[in-house]
PDB file of N, CA and C in Angstrom:
ATOM      1  N   MET A   1     124.569  86.336  91.448  1.00  0.00           N
ATOM      2  CA  MET A   1     123.914  85.985  92.683  1.00  0.00           C
ATOM      3  C   MET A   1     124.887  85.199  93.547  1.00  0.00           C
ATOM      4  N   LEU A   2     124.912  85.551  94.832  1.00  0.00           N
ATOM      5  CA  LEU A   2     125.717  84.820  95.798  1.00  0.00           C
ATOM      6  C   LEU A   2     124.788  83.960  96.634  1.00  0.00           C
ATOM      7  N   VAL A   3     125.130  82.690  96.803  1.00  0.00           N
ATOM      8  CA  VAL A   3     124.347  81.779  97.626  1.00  0.00           C
ATOM      9  C   VAL A   3     125.230  81.368  98.794  1.00  0.00           C
ATOM     10  N   MET A   4     124.676  81.498 100.011  1.00  0.00           N
ATOM     11  CA  MET A   4     125.456  81.218 101.213  1.00  0.00           C
ATOM     12  C   MET A   4     124.694  80.262 102.116  1.00  0.00           C
ATOM     13  N   THR A   5     125.397  79.289 102.657  1.00  0.00           N
ATOM     14  CA  THR A   5     124.818  78.367 103.624  1.00  0.00           C
ATOM     15  C   THR A   5     125.306  78.789 104.996  1.00  0.00           C
ATOM     16  N   LEU A   6     124.367  79.052 105.901  1.00  0.00           N
ATOM     17  CA  LEU A   6     124.715  79.527 107.234  1.00  0.00           C
ATOM     18  C   LEU A   6     124.870  78.403 108.239  1.00  0.00           C
ATOM     19  N   GLY A   7     124.390  77.238 107.907  1.00  0.00           N
ATOM     20  CA  GLY A   7     124.476  76.113 108.827  1.00  0.00           C
ATOM     21  C   GLY A   7     123.958  74.872 108.156  1.00  0.00           C
ATOM     22  N   GLU A   8     123.881  73.809 108.928  1.00  0.00           N
ATOM     23  CA  GLU A   8     123.475  72.539 108.352  1.00  0.00           C
ATOM     24  C   GLU A   8     122.001  72.240 108.536  1.00  0.00           C
ATOM     25  N   GLN A   9     121.291  73.079 109.273  1.00  0.00           N
ATOM     26  CA  GLN A   9     119.851  72.863 109.430  1.00  0.00           C
ATOM     27  C   GLN A   9     119.148  73.264 108.140  1.00  0.00           C
ATOM     28  N   SER A  10     118.017  72.657 107.874  1.00  0.00           N
ATOM     29  CA  SER A  10     117.284  73.019 106.660  1.00  0.00           C
ATOM     30  C   SER A  10     116.814  74.461 106.763  1.00  0.00           C
ATOM     31  N   GLY A  11     116.783  75.135 105.644  1.00  0.00           N
ATOM     32  CA  GLY A  11     116.334  76.512 105.618  1.00  0.00           C
ATOM     33  C   GLY A  11     117.381  77.532 106.009  1.00  0.00           C
ATOM     34  N   GLU A  12     118.631  77.138 106.092  1.00  0.00           N
ATOM     35  CA  GLU A  12     119.676  78.074 106.472  1.00  0.00           C
ATOM     36  C   GLU A  12     120.536  78.487 105.286  1.00  0.00           C
ATOM     37  N   THR A  13     119.949  78.485 104.113  1.00  0.00           N
ATOM     38  CA  THR A  13     120.622  78.961 102.917  1.00  0.00           C
ATOM     39  C   THR A  13     119.980  80.277 102.519  1.00  0.00           C
ATOM     40  N   ILE A  14     120.819  81.261 102.233  1.00  0.00           N
ATOM     41  CA  ILE A  14     120.317  82.562 101.801  1.00  0.00           C
ATOM     42  C   ILE A  14     120.943  82.908 100.458  1.00  0.00           C
ATOM     43  N   TYR A  15     120.306  83.832  99.770  1.00  0.00           N
ATOM     44  CA  TYR A  15     120.872  84.330  98.520  1.00  0.00           C
ATOM     45  C   TYR A  15     120.940  85.844  98.589  1.00  0.00           C
ATOM     46  N   PHE A  16     121.910  86.382  97.883  1.00  0.00           N
ATOM     47  CA  PHE A  16     122.086  87.828  97.766  1.00  0.00           C
ATOM     48  C   PHE A  16     122.219  88.109  96.278  1.00  0.00           C
ATOM     49  N   ASP A  17     121.139  88.614  95.698  1.00  0.00           N
ATOM     50  CA  ASP A  17     121.080  88.891  94.267  1.00  0.00           C
ATOM     51  C   ASP A  17     121.492  90.348  94.037  1.00  0.00           C
ATOM     52  N   ILE A  18     122.720  90.540  93.627  1.00  0.00           N
ATOM     53  CA  ILE A  18     123.302  91.878  93.475  1.00  0.00           C
ATOM     54  C   ILE A  18     122.701  92.576  92.265  1.00  0.00           C
ATOM     55  N   HIS A  19     122.268  93.815  92.470  1.00  0.00           N
ATOM     56  CA  HIS A  19     121.745  94.587  91.346  1.00  0.00           C
ATOM     57  C   HIS A  19     122.474  95.914  91.152  1.00  0.00           C
ATOM     58  N   HIS A  20     123.321  96.305  92.094  1.00  0.00           N
ATOM     59  CA  HIS A  20     124.050  97.566  91.932  1.00  0.00           C
ATOM     60  C   HIS A  20     125.375  97.495  92.686  1.00  0.00           C
ATOM     61  N   LEU A  21     126.433  97.925  92.001  1.00  0.00           N
ATOM     62  CA  LEU A  21     127.775  97.996  92.597  1.00  0.00           C
ATOM     63  C   LEU A  21     128.314  99.395  92.416  1.00  0.00           C
ATOM     64  N   GLU A  22     129.018  99.857  93.421  1.00  0.00           N
ATOM     65  CA  GLU A  22     129.635 101.170  93.308  1.00  0.00           C
ATOM     66  C   GLU A  22     130.951 101.166  94.085  1.00  0.00           C
ATOM     67  N   TRP A  23     132.006 101.632  93.437  1.00  0.00           N
ATOM     68  CA  TRP A  23     133.297 101.797  94.096  1.00  0.00           C
ATOM     69  C   TRP A  23     133.324 103.214  94.648  1.00  0.00           C
ATOM     70  N   ARG A  24     133.397 103.349  95.963  1.00  0.00           N
ATOM     71  CA  ARG A  24     133.350 104.665  96.605  1.00  0.00           C
ATOM     72  C   ARG A  24     134.709 105.025  97.191  1.00  0.00           C
ATOM     73  N   GLN A  25     135.004 106.292  97.099  1.00  0.00           N
ATOM     74  CA  GLN A  25     136.255 106.822  97.643  1.00  0.00           C
ATOM     75  C   GLN A  25     135.867 107.965  98.584  1.00  0.00           C
ATOM     76  N   GLU A  26     135.531 107.622  99.830  1.00  0.00           N
ATOM     77  CA  GLU A  26     135.093 108.618 100.792  1.00  0.00           C
ATOM     78  C   GLU A  26     136.155 108.803 101.863  1.00  0.00           C
ATOM     79  N   ARG A  27     136.519 110.058 102.096  1.00  0.00           N
ATOM     80  CA  ARG A  27     137.515 110.399 103.120  1.00  0.00           C
ATOM     81  C   ARG A  27     138.755 109.519 103.018  1.00  0.00           C
ATOM     82  N   ASP A  28     139.239 109.346 101.789  1.00  0.00           N
ATOM     83  CA  ASP A  28     140.431 108.529 101.516  1.00  0.00           C
ATOM     84  C   ASP A  28     140.304 107.089 101.988  1.00  0.00           C
ATOM     85  N   LYS A  29     139.072 106.596 102.079  1.00  0.00           N
ATOM     86  CA  LYS A  29     138.835 105.207 102.467  1.00  0.00           C
ATOM     87  C   LYS A  29     138.017 104.536 101.380  1.00  0.00           C
ATOM     88  N   PRO A  30     138.684 103.942 100.399  1.00  0.00           N
ATOM     89  CA  PRO A  30     137.944 103.298  99.304  1.00  0.00           C
ATOM     90  C   PRO A  30     137.219 102.041  99.782  1.00  0.00           C
ATOM     91  N   HIS A  31     136.036 101.818  99.218  1.00  0.00           N
ATOM     92  CA  HIS A  31     135.290 100.615  99.558  1.00  0.00           C
ATOM     93  C   HIS A  31     134.222 100.344  98.500  1.00  0.00           C
ATOM     94  N   TRP A  32     133.772  99.103  98.484  1.00  0.00           N
ATOM     95  CA  TRP A  32     132.670  98.704  97.620  1.00  0.00           C
ATOM     96  C   TRP A  32     131.362  98.929  98.360  1.00  0.00           C
ATOM     97  N   ALA A  33     130.369  99.438  97.652  1.00  0.00           N
ATOM     98  CA  ALA A  33     128.995  99.519  98.131  1.00  0.00           C
ATOM     99  C   ALA A  33     128.186  98.608  97.203  1.00  0.00           C
ATOM    100  N   VAL A  34     127.631  97.556  97.755  1.00  0.00           N
ATOM    101  CA  VAL A  34     126.953  96.529  96.976  1.00  0.00           C
ATOM    102  C   VAL A  34     125.502  96.432  97.448  1.00  0.00           C
ATOM    103  N   SER A  35     124.568  96.670  96.534  1.00  0.00           N
ATOM    104  CA  SER A  35     123.141  96.611  96.860  1.00  0.00           C
ATOM    105  C   SER A  35     122.519  95.397  96.183  1.00  0.00           C
ATOM    106  N   GLY A  36     121.555  94.799  96.861  1.00  0.00           N
ATOM    107  CA  GLY A  36     120.882  93.665  96.261  1.00  0.00           C
ATOM    108  C   GLY A  36     119.729  93.179  97.106  1.00  0.00           C
ATOM    109  N   LEU A  37     119.108  92.122  96.621  1.00  0.00           N
ATOM    110  CA  LEU A  37     118.003  91.477  97.323  1.00  0.00           C
ATOM    111  C   LEU A  37     118.541  90.309  98.137  1.00  0.00           C
ATOM    112  N   LEU A  38     118.207  90.298  99.403  1.00  0.00           N
ATOM    113  CA  LEU A  38     118.556  89.204 100.298  1.00  0.00           C
ATOM    114  C   LEU A  38     117.302  88.376 100.512  1.00  0.00           C
ATOM    115  N   GLY A  39     117.432  87.073 100.425  1.00  0.00           N
ATOM    116  CA  GLY A  39     116.257  86.239 100.640  1.00  0.00           C
ATOM    117  C   GLY A  39     116.626  84.849 101.105  1.00  0.00           C
ATOM    118  N   ASP A  40     115.596  84.162 101.613  1.00  0.00           N
ATOM    119  CA  ASP A  40     115.786  82.779 102.051  1.00  0.00           C
ATOM    120  C   ASP A  40     114.631  81.874 101.632  1.00  0.00           C
ATOM    121  N   GLY A  41     113.776  82.345 100.728  1.00  0.00           N
ATOM    122  CA  GLY A  41     112.627  81.569 100.299  1.00  0.00           C
ATOM    123  C   GLY A  41     111.339  81.978 100.990  1.00  0.00           C
ATOM    124  N   TRP A  42     111.442  82.546 102.186  1.00  0.00           N
ATOM    125  CA  TRP A  42     110.272  83.041 102.917  1.00  0.00           C
ATOM    126  C   TRP A  42     110.264  84.563 102.981  1.00  0.00           C
ATOM    127  N   TYR A  43     111.430  85.146 102.912  1.00  0.00           N
ATOM    128  CA  TYR A  43     111.571  86.597 103.031  1.00  0.00           C
ATOM    129  C   TYR A  43     112.479  87.089 101.904  1.00  0.00           C
ATOM    130  N   GLU A  44     112.230  88.309 101.441  1.00  0.00           N
ATOM    131  CA  GLU A  44     113.114  88.932 100.469  1.00  0.00           C
ATOM    132  C   GLU A  44     113.090  90.437 100.728  1.00  0.00           C
ATOM    133  N   GLY A  45     114.268  91.042 100.832  1.00  0.00           N
ATOM    134  CA  GLY A  45     114.343  92.476 101.082  1.00  0.00           C
ATOM    135  C   GLY A  45     115.672  93.056 100.635  1.00  0.00           C
ATOM    136  N   GLU A  46     115.700  94.366 100.510  1.00  0.00           N
ATOM    137  CA  GLU A  46     116.882  95.093 100.050  1.00  0.00           C
ATOM    138  C   GLU A  46     117.941  95.192 101.143  1.00  0.00           C
ATOM    139  N   VAL A  47     119.194  95.072 100.715  1.00  0.00           N
ATOM    140  CA  VAL A  47     120.328  95.174 101.633  1.00  0.00           C
ATOM    141  C   VAL A  47     121.440  95.946 100.939  1.00  0.00           C
ATOM    142  N   LEU A  48     122.163  96.748 101.716  1.00  0.00           N
ATOM    143  CA  LEU A  48     123.369  97.436 101.251  1.00  0.00           C
ATOM    144  C   LEU A  48     124.531  96.903 102.069  1.00  0.00           C
ATOM    145  N   VAL A  49     125.550  96.385 101.392  1.00  0.00           N
ATOM    146  CA  VAL A  49     126.748  95.875 102.053  1.00  0.00           C
ATOM    147  C   VAL A  49     127.915  96.748 101.614  1.00  0.00           C
ATOM    148  N   GLU A  50     128.583  97.372 102.579  1.00  0.00           N
ATOM    149  CA  GLU A  50     129.749  98.197 102.288  1.00  0.00           C
ATOM    150  C   GLU A  50     130.967  97.512 102.883  1.00  0.00           C
ATOM    151  N   VAL A  51     131.947  97.225 102.015  1.00  0.00           N
ATOM    152  CA  VAL A  51     133.119  96.477 102.435  1.00  0.00           C
ATOM    153  C   VAL A  51     134.368  97.235 102.033  1.00  0.00           C
ATOM    154  N   GLY A  52     135.191  97.492 102.996  1.00  0.00           N
ATOM    155  CA  GLY A  52     136.463  98.173 102.796  1.00  0.00           C
ATOM    156  C   GLY A  52     137.261  98.020 104.071  1.00  0.00           C
ATOM    157  N   GLU A  53     137.912  99.089 104.488  1.00  0.00           N
ATOM    158  CA  GLU A  53     138.643  99.066 105.750  1.00  0.00           C
ATOM    159  C   GLU A  53     137.695  98.707 106.897  1.00  0.00           C
ATOM    160  N   LYS A  54     136.490  99.266 106.832  1.00  0.00           N
ATOM    161  CA  LYS A  54     135.412  98.973 107.760  1.00  0.00           C
ATOM    162  C   LYS A  54     134.262  98.370 106.967  1.00  0.00           C
ATOM    163  N   SER A  55     133.467  97.542 107.581  1.00  0.00           N
ATOM    164  CA  SER A  55     132.329  96.936 106.885  1.00  0.00           C
ATOM    165  C   SER A  55     131.031  97.302 107.585  1.00  0.00           C
ATOM    166  N   GLU A  56     130.015  97.560 106.761  1.00  0.00           N
ATOM    167  CA  GLU A  56     128.697  97.870 107.296  1.00  0.00           C
ATOM    168  C   GLU A  56     127.643  97.179 106.455  1.00  0.00           C
ATOM    169  N   VAL A  57     126.569  96.775 107.104  1.00  0.00           N
ATOM    170  CA  VAL A  57     125.428  96.179 106.418  1.00  0.00           C
ATOM    171  C   VAL A  57     124.191  96.941 106.857  1.00  0.00           C
ATOM    172  N   THR A  58     123.414  97.397 105.873  1.00  0.00           N
ATOM    173  CA  THR A  58     122.161  98.090 106.147  1.00  0.00           C
ATOM    174  C   THR A  58     121.023  97.254 105.575  1.00  0.00           C
ATOM    175  N   PHE A  59     120.167  96.765 106.458  1.00  0.00           N
ATOM    176  CA  PHE A  59     118.972  96.035 106.054  1.00  0.00           C
ATOM    177  C   PHE A  59     117.881  97.081 105.875  1.00  0.00           C
ATOM    178  N   ALA A  60     117.435  97.304 104.651  1.00  0.00           N
ATOM    179  CA  ALA A  60     116.490  98.387 104.363  1.00  0.00           C
ATOM    180  C   ALA A  60     115.204  98.260 105.175  1.00  0.00           C
ATOM    181  N   ASP A  61     114.654  97.063 105.302  1.00  0.00           N
ATOM    182  CA  ASP A  61     113.410  96.900 106.047  1.00  0.00           C
ATOM    183  C   ASP A  61     113.592  97.255 107.518  1.00  0.00           C
ATOM    184  N   GLU A  62     114.736  96.928 108.072  1.00  0.00           N
ATOM    185  CA  GLU A  62     115.006  97.282 109.469  1.00  0.00           C
ATOM    186  C   GLU A  62     115.116  98.808 109.593  1.00  0.00           C
ATOM    187  N   TRP A  63     115.831  99.413 108.668  1.00  0.00           N
ATOM    188  CA  TRP A  63     116.029 100.863 108.672  1.00  0.00           C
ATOM    189  C   TRP A  63     114.696 101.588 108.508  1.00  0.00           C
ATOM    190  N   LEU A  64     113.788 101.014 107.701  1.00  0.00           N
ATOM    191  CA  LEU A  64     112.480 101.621 107.461  1.00  0.00           C
ATOM    192  C   LEU A  64     111.435 101.246 108.520  1.00  0.00           C
ATOM    193  N   GLY A  65     111.821 100.380 109.447  1.00  0.00           N
ATOM    194  CA  GLY A  65     110.899  99.987 110.511  1.00  0.00           C
ATOM    195  C   GLY A  65     109.851  98.979 110.096  1.00  0.00           C
ATOM    196  N   ARG A  66     110.123  98.206 109.057  1.00  0.00           N
ATOM    197  CA  ARG A  66     109.168  97.190 108.599  1.00  0.00           C
ATOM    198  C   ARG A  66     109.380  95.896 109.397  1.00  0.00           C
ATOM    199  N   PRO A  67     108.322  95.346 109.950  1.00  0.00           N
ATOM    200  CA  PRO A  67     108.458  94.203 110.852  1.00  0.00           C
ATOM    201  C   PRO A  67     108.813  92.872 110.184  1.00  0.00           C
ATOM    202  N   GLN A  68     108.614  92.739 108.876  1.00  0.00           N
ATOM    203  CA  GLN A  68     108.835  91.447 108.213  1.00  0.00           C
ATOM    204  C   GLN A  68     110.254  90.914 108.413  1.00  0.00           C
ATOM    205  N   ILE A  69     111.225  91.788 108.489  1.00  0.00           N
ATOM    206  CA  ILE A  69     112.603  91.326 108.609  1.00  0.00           C
ATOM    207  C   ILE A  69     112.863  90.675 109.960  1.00  0.00           C
ATOM    208  N   GLY A  70     112.036  90.988 110.947  1.00  0.00           N
ATOM    209  CA  GLY A  70     112.192  90.379 112.267  1.00  0.00           C
ATOM    210  C   GLY A  70     112.083  88.866 112.224  1.00  0.00           C
ATOM    211  N   GLU A  71     111.217  88.348 111.352  1.00  0.00           N
ATOM    212  CA  GLU A  71     111.077  86.900 111.215  1.00  0.00           C
ATOM    213  C   GLU A  71     112.351  86.270 110.658  1.00  0.00           C
ATOM    214  N   LEU A  72     112.976  86.952 109.698  1.00  0.00           N
ATOM    215  CA  LEU A  72     114.243  86.459 109.147  1.00  0.00           C
ATOM    216  C   LEU A  72     115.318  86.457 110.230  1.00  0.00           C
ATOM    217  N   PHE A  73     115.392  87.535 111.003  1.00  0.00           N
ATOM    218  CA  PHE A  73     116.369  87.606 112.090  1.00  0.00           C
ATOM    219  C   PHE A  73     116.130  86.507 113.119  1.00  0.00           C
ATOM    220  N   GLN A  74     114.872  86.188 113.395  1.00  0.00           N
ATOM    221  CA  GLN A  74     114.559  85.116 114.345  1.00  0.00           C
ATOM    222  C   GLN A  74     115.007  83.761 113.812  1.00  0.00           C
ATOM    223  N   ARG A  75     114.802  83.540 112.516  1.00  0.00           N
ATOM    224  CA  ARG A  75     115.187  82.254 111.916  1.00  0.00           C
ATOM    225  C   ARG A  75     116.691  82.086 111.829  1.00  0.00           C
ATOM    226  N   LEU A  76     117.386  83.152 111.416  1.00  0.00           N
ATOM    227  CA  LEU A  76     118.802  82.995 111.071  1.00  0.00           C
ATOM    228  C   LEU A  76     119.761  83.814 111.923  1.00  0.00           C
ATOM    229  N   GLY A  77     119.267  84.807 112.614  1.00  0.00           N
ATOM    230  CA  GLY A  77     120.139  85.644 113.441  1.00  0.00           C
ATOM    231  C   GLY A  77     120.695  86.823 112.654  1.00  0.00           C
ATOM    232  N   ARG A  78     120.470  88.020 113.182  1.00  0.00           N
ATOM    233  CA  ARG A  78     120.920  89.235 112.495  1.00  0.00           C
ATOM    234  C   ARG A  78     122.440  89.248 112.313  1.00  0.00           C
ATOM    235  N   GLU A  79     123.166  88.915 113.351  1.00  0.00           N
ATOM    236  CA  GLU A  79     124.631  88.964 113.279  1.00  0.00           C
ATOM    237  C   GLU A  79     125.170  87.897 112.331  1.00  0.00           C
ATOM    238  N   ARG A  80     124.574  86.720 112.316  1.00  0.00           N
ATOM    239  CA  ARG A  80     124.997  85.668 111.375  1.00  0.00           C
ATOM    240  C   ARG A  80     124.785  86.118 109.941  1.00  0.00           C
ATOM    241  N   LEU A  81     123.645  86.766 109.671  1.00  0.00           N
ATOM    242  CA  LEU A  81     123.378  87.284 108.328  1.00  0.00           C
ATOM    243  C   LEU A  81     124.408  88.349 107.944  1.00  0.00           C
ATOM    244  N   ARG A  82     124.648  89.272 108.866  1.00  0.00           N
ATOM    245  CA  ARG A  82     125.611  90.341 108.610  1.00  0.00           C
ATOM    246  C   ARG A  82     126.989  89.766 108.301  1.00  0.00           C
ATOM    247  N   GLU A  83     127.439  88.853 109.118  1.00  0.00           N
ATOM    248  CA  GLU A  83     128.752  88.240 108.912  1.00  0.00           C
ATOM    249  C   GLU A  83     128.824  87.483 107.588  1.00  0.00           C
ATOM    250  N   ALA A  84     127.770  86.738 107.246  1.00  0.00           N
ATOM    251  CA  ALA A  84     127.757  85.987 105.989  1.00  0.00           C
ATOM    252  C   ALA A  84     127.826  86.919 104.781  1.00  0.00           C
ATOM    253  N   LEU A  85     127.090  88.014 104.830  1.00  0.00           N
ATOM    254  CA  LEU A  85     127.101  88.974 103.721  1.00  0.00           C
ATOM    255  C   LEU A  85     128.465  89.638 103.576  1.00  0.00           C
ATOM    256  N   VAL A  86     129.036  90.091 104.671  1.00  0.00           N
ATOM    257  CA  VAL A  86     130.353  90.743 104.627  1.00  0.00           C
ATOM    258  C   VAL A  86     131.408  89.763 104.116  1.00  0.00           C
ATOM    259  N   THR A  87     131.386  88.550 104.629  1.00  0.00           N
ATOM    260  CA  THR A  87     132.366  87.542 104.202  1.00  0.00           C
ATOM    261  C   THR A  87     132.236  87.249 102.711  1.00  0.00           C
ATOM    262  N   ALA A  88     131.011  87.075 102.231  1.00  0.00           N
ATOM    263  CA  ALA A  88     130.799  86.760 100.812  1.00  0.00           C
ATOM    264  C   ALA A  88     131.245  87.914  99.913  1.00  0.00           C
ATOM    265  N   VAL A  89     130.881  89.144 100.267  1.00  0.00           N
ATOM    266  CA  VAL A  89     131.271  90.289  99.439  1.00  0.00           C
ATOM    267  C   VAL A  89     132.779  90.504  99.494  1.00  0.00           C
ATOM    268  N   ARG A  90     133.384  90.343 100.678  1.00  0.00           N
ATOM    269  CA  ARG A  90     134.857  90.436 100.771  1.00  0.00           C
ATOM    270  C   ARG A  90     135.527  89.389  99.872  1.00  0.00           C
ATOM    271  N   HIS A  91     134.988  88.186  99.900  1.00  0.00           N
ATOM    272  CA  HIS A  91     135.572  87.098  99.109  1.00  0.00           C
ATOM    273  C   HIS A  91     135.542  87.417  97.614  1.00  0.00           C
ATOM    274  N   VAL A  92     134.388  87.809  97.102  1.00  0.00           N
ATOM    275  CA  VAL A  92     134.319  88.084  95.662  1.00  0.00           C
ATOM    276  C   VAL A  92     135.094  89.346  95.295  1.00  0.00           C
ATOM    277  N   SER A  93     135.180  90.315  96.204  1.00  0.00           N
ATOM    278  CA  SER A  93     135.950  91.523  95.885  1.00  0.00           C
ATOM    279  C   SER A  93     137.442  91.229  95.898  1.00  0.00           C
ATOM    280  N   SER A  94     137.896  90.346  96.771  1.00  0.00           N
ATOM    281  CA  SER A  94     139.324  90.024  96.831  1.00  0.00           C
ATOM    282  C   SER A  94     139.776  89.208  95.621  1.00  0.00           C
ATOM    283  N   HIS A  95     138.845  88.558  94.942  1.00  0.00           N
ATOM    284  CA  HIS A  95     139.175  87.786  93.752  1.00  0.00           C
ATOM    285  C   HIS A  95     138.890  88.551  92.459  1.00  0.00           C
ATOM    286  N   GLY A  96     138.579  89.848  92.592  1.00  0.00           N
ATOM    287  CA  GLY A  96     138.350  90.684  91.410  1.00  0.00           C
ATOM    288  C   GLY A  96     137.021  90.486  90.733  1.00  0.00           C
ATOM    289  N   GLU A  97     136.155  89.659  91.316  1.00  0.00           N
ATOM    290  CA  GLU A  97     134.875  89.380  90.675  1.00  0.00           C
ATOM    291  C   GLU A  97     133.940  90.581  90.681  1.00  0.00           C
ATOM    292  N   LEU A  98     133.980  91.413  91.715  1.00  0.00           N
ATOM    293  CA  LEU A  98     133.117  92.591  91.737  1.00  0.00           C
ATOM    294  C   LEU A  98     133.502  93.567  90.634  1.00  0.00           C
ATOM    295  N   SER A  99     134.788  93.722  90.396  1.00  0.00           N
ATOM    296  CA  SER A  99     135.235  94.606  89.326  1.00  0.00           C
ATOM    297  C   SER A  99     134.688  94.148  87.974  1.00  0.00           C
ATOM    298  N   ALA A 100     134.672  92.847  87.773  1.00  0.00           N
ATOM    299  CA  ALA A 100     134.149  92.305  86.511  1.00  0.00           C
ATOM    300  C   ALA A 100     132.643  92.545  86.400  1.00  0.00           C
ATOM    301  N   TRP A 101     131.919  92.398  87.517  1.00  0.00           N
ATOM    302  CA  TRP A 101     130.473  92.626  87.505  1.00  0.00           C
ATOM    303  C   TRP A 101     130.158  94.096  87.280  1.00  0.00           C
ATOM    304  N   ALA A 102     130.995  94.978  87.825  1.00  0.00           N
ATOM    305  CA  ALA A 102     130.747  96.411  87.722  1.00  0.00           C
ATOM    306  C   ALA A 102     130.982  96.936  86.313  1.00  0.00           C
ATOM    307  N   ALA A 103     131.785  96.233  85.535  1.00  0.00           N
ATOM    308  CA  ALA A 103     132.123  96.700  84.177  1.00  0.00           C
ATOM    309  C   ALA A 103     130.950  96.618  83.239  1.00  0.00           C
TER     310      ALA A 103
END
């Protein structure tokens, strides 16, 4: 589990509980695809973070049109969440920790 603090205000800590890792080699662009539960104590939902040459974050509830994630975005900001997830996954992948988890 990755725990990230987005700011100094109360309630700005999120967790990303990884449950699936996959090393993908698509169009000669290798990258990690990391799936898990994102939460902050009030909300919890599935997220896919892909980190490589390019980074992408897919919030499953947003993709499925579920309104609950809107409250999380209002509290913490969609872009701040995206950046925090990409930064955290990049950090653990650069230190070889994802490879160890995937084994």
